[in-house]
Amino acid sequence: MIYYVAHWDWILLESRGNLIRNIEDKKFASICPIDNFKELKKYYDKTINWNIDREKLFDFKGVYYLSKILNILPEKTTIHVFTLKTGIIFSLSY
């Protein structure tokens, strides 16, 4: 399974939704704050809610929560991060 990580769910819907829809031989999961679960469910086989305060420039609790999520993922999991802010938070969490 490929896990996409983003600090907004609409990023995963708008920029990766069509890509995922066209790849049939893989399973995809999302790790993000959930605002629109119905839409995420259309594209992703699994969704994990990431509790992060998007209003803050940098949320230290969000780093901690992402770290906890990453620790429960299976070994050798493919994780895809594609925004700068999420990439910085991910690098501190991993």
C-alpha atoms as a PDB file:
ATOM      1  CA  MET A   1       0.000   0.000   0.000  1.00  0.00           C
ATOM      2  CA  ILE A   2       1.196   3.498  -0.794  1.00  0.00           C
ATOM      3  CA  TYR A   3       0.495   6.129   1.878  1.00  0.00           C
ATOM      4  CA  TYR A   4       0.052   9.739   0.816  1.00  0.00           C
ATOM      5  CA  VAL A   5       0.676  12.307   3.571  1.00  0.00           C
ATOM      6  CA  ALA A   6      -0.632  15.876   3.437  1.00  0.00           C
ATOM      7  CA  HIS A   7      -1.545  18.581   5.911  1.00  0.00           C
ATOM      8  CA  TRP A   8      -4.827  19.260   4.011  1.00  0.00           C
ATOM      9  CA  ASP A   9      -7.177  16.617   2.644  1.00  0.00           C
ATOM     10  CA  TRP A  10      -8.086  18.764  -0.369  1.00  0.00           C
ATOM     11  CA  ILE A  11      -4.452  18.544  -1.519  1.00  0.00           C
ATOM     12  CA  LEU A  12      -4.845  14.788  -1.763  1.00  0.00           C
ATOM     13  CA  LEU A  13      -8.164  15.116  -3.544  1.00  0.00           C
ATOM     14  CA  GLU A  14      -7.247  17.843  -6.021  1.00  0.00           C
ATOM     15  CA  SER A  15      -3.692  16.927  -6.955  1.00  0.00           C
ATOM     16  CA  ARG A  16      -3.633  13.142  -6.547  1.00  0.00           C
ATOM     17  CA  GLY A  17      -7.254  12.021  -6.920  1.00  0.00           C
ATOM     18  CA  ASN A  18      -7.212  11.540 -10.703  1.00  0.00           C
ATOM     19  CA  LEU A  19      -3.782   9.938 -10.619  1.00  0.00           C
ATOM     20  CA  ILE A  20      -4.937   7.360  -8.077  1.00  0.00           C
ATOM     21  CA  ARG A  21      -8.150   6.693  -9.963  1.00  0.00           C
ATOM     22  CA  ASN A  22      -6.120   5.754 -13.068  1.00  0.00           C
ATOM     23  CA  ILE A  23      -3.743   3.334 -11.323  1.00  0.00           C
ATOM     24  CA  GLU A  24      -5.616   0.107 -10.768  1.00  0.00           C
ATOM     25  CA  ASP A  25      -2.943  -2.332  -9.591  1.00  0.00           C
ATOM     26  CA  LYS A  26      -2.024  -0.529  -6.340  1.00  0.00           C
ATOM     27  CA  LYS A  27      -3.807   0.299  -3.122  1.00  0.00           C
ATOM     28  CA  PHE A  28      -3.580   3.797  -1.672  1.00  0.00           C
ATOM     29  CA  ALA A  29      -4.079   5.251   1.788  1.00  0.00           C
ATOM     30  CA  SER A  30      -4.210   8.827   2.975  1.00  0.00           C
ATOM     31  CA  ILE A  31      -2.817  10.359   6.139  1.00  0.00           C
ATOM     32  CA  CYS A  32      -4.308  13.816   6.611  1.00  0.00           C
ATOM     33  CA  PRO A  33      -6.711  15.881   8.677  1.00  0.00           C
ATOM     34  CA  ILE A  34     -10.135  14.717   7.528  1.00  0.00           C
ATOM     35  CA  ASP A  35     -12.562  17.404   6.429  1.00  0.00           C
ATOM     36  CA  ASN A  36     -14.250  15.525   3.583  1.00  0.00           C
ATOM     37  CA  PHE A  37     -14.283  11.812   4.372  1.00  0.00           C
ATOM     38  CA  LYS A  38     -16.816  10.938   1.650  1.00  0.00           C
ATOM     39  CA  GLU A  39     -14.564  12.331  -1.073  1.00  0.00           C
ATOM     40  CA  LEU A  40     -11.416  10.716   0.349  1.00  0.00           C
ATOM     41  CA  LYS A  41     -13.183   7.355   0.432  1.00  0.00           C
ATOM     42  CA  LYS A  42     -13.778   7.603  -3.339  1.00  0.00           C
ATOM     43  CA  TYR A  43     -10.027   7.532  -4.018  1.00  0.00           C
ATOM     44  CA  TYR A  44      -8.254   6.002  -1.029  1.00  0.00           C
ATOM     45  CA  ASP A  45      -8.692   2.473   0.304  1.00  0.00           C
ATOM     46  CA  LYS A  46      -7.845   3.618   3.816  1.00  0.00           C
ATOM     47  CA  THR A  47      -7.722   7.009   5.548  1.00  0.00           C
ATOM     48  CA  ILE A  48      -5.916   7.816   8.783  1.00  0.00           C
ATOM     49  CA  ASN A  49      -6.876  11.025  10.553  1.00  0.00           C
ATOM     50  CA  TRP A  50      -3.861  13.192  11.332  1.00  0.00           C
ATOM     51  CA  ASN A  51      -4.640  15.622  14.125  1.00  0.00           C
ATOM     52  CA  ILE A  52      -2.780  18.806  13.179  1.00  0.00           C
ATOM     53  CA  ASP A  53      -3.681  22.442  13.759  1.00  0.00           C
ATOM     54  CA  ARG A  54      -3.434  23.974  10.290  1.00  0.00           C
ATOM     55  CA  GLU A  55      -4.014  27.454  11.668  1.00  0.00           C
ATOM     56  CA  LYS A  56      -0.553  27.476  13.288  1.00  0.00           C
ATOM     57  CA  LEU A  57       2.557  28.141  11.249  1.00  0.00           C
ATOM     58  CA  PHE A  58       4.153  25.104  12.876  1.00  0.00           C
ATOM     59  CA  ASP A  59       2.253  22.679  15.130  1.00  0.00           C
ATOM     60  CA  PHE A  60       4.569  20.709  17.427  1.00  0.00           C
ATOM     61  CA  LYS A  61       1.700  18.463  18.507  1.00  0.00           C
ATOM     62  CA  GLY A  62       1.070  17.727  14.844  1.00  0.00           C
ATOM     63  CA  VAL A  63       4.659  16.479  14.538  1.00  0.00           C
ATOM     64  CA  TYR A  64       4.098  14.226  17.541  1.00  0.00           C
ATOM     65  CA  TYR A  65       0.788  12.883  16.187  1.00  0.00           C
ATOM     66  CA  LEU A  66       2.315  12.139  12.781  1.00  0.00           C
ATOM     67  CA  SER A  67       5.179  10.337  14.502  1.00  0.00           C
ATOM     68  CA  LYS A  68       2.678   8.109  16.299  1.00  0.00           C
ATOM     69  CA  ILE A  69       0.906   7.338  13.024  1.00  0.00           C
ATOM     70  CA  LEU A  70       4.163   6.514  11.230  1.00  0.00           C
ATOM     71  CA  ASN A  71       5.166   4.131  14.020  1.00  0.00           C
ATOM     72  CA  ILE A  72       2.088   1.947  13.470  1.00  0.00           C
ATOM     73  CA  LEU A  73       2.573   1.585   9.698  1.00  0.00           C
ATOM     74  CA  PRO A  74       3.936  -1.734   8.431  1.00  0.00           C
ATOM     75  CA  GLU A  75       7.672  -1.998   7.807  1.00  0.00           C
ATOM     76  CA  LYS A  76       8.854  -1.102   4.300  1.00  0.00           C
ATOM     77  CA  THR A  77       5.773   1.015   3.652  1.00  0.00           C
ATOM     78  CA  THR A  78       5.927   3.394   0.721  1.00  0.00           C
ATOM     79  CA  ILE A  79       5.160   6.935   1.877  1.00  0.00           C
ATOM     80  CA  HIS A  80       4.661   9.802  -0.540  1.00  0.00           C
ATOM     81  CA  VAL A  81       4.923  13.415   0.645  1.00  0.00           C
ATOM     82  CA  PHE A  82       4.681  16.164  -1.962  1.00  0.00           C
ATOM     83  CA  THR A  83       4.311  19.554  -0.257  1.00  0.00           C
ATOM     84  CA  LEU A  84       7.067  21.523   1.416  1.00  0.00           C
ATOM     85  CA  LYS A  85       5.306  22.056   4.750  1.00  0.00           C
ATOM     86  CA  THR A  86       4.257  18.408   5.023  1.00  0.00           C
ATOM     87  CA  GLY A  87       7.765  17.342   3.987  1.00  0.00           C
ATOM     88  CA  ILE A  88       9.346  19.339   6.806  1.00  0.00           C
ATOM     89  CA  ILE A  89       6.876  17.981   9.353  1.00  0.00           C
ATOM     90  CA  PHE A  90       7.396  14.450   8.018  1.00  0.00           C
ATOM     91  CA  SER A  91      11.191  14.706   8.254  1.00  0.00           C
ATOM     92  CA  LEU A  92      10.894  15.767  11.902  1.00  0.00           C
ATOM     93  CA  SER A  93       8.377  13.006  12.644  1.00  0.00           C
ATOM     94  CA  TYR A  94      10.164  10.091  10.999  1.00  0.00           C
END
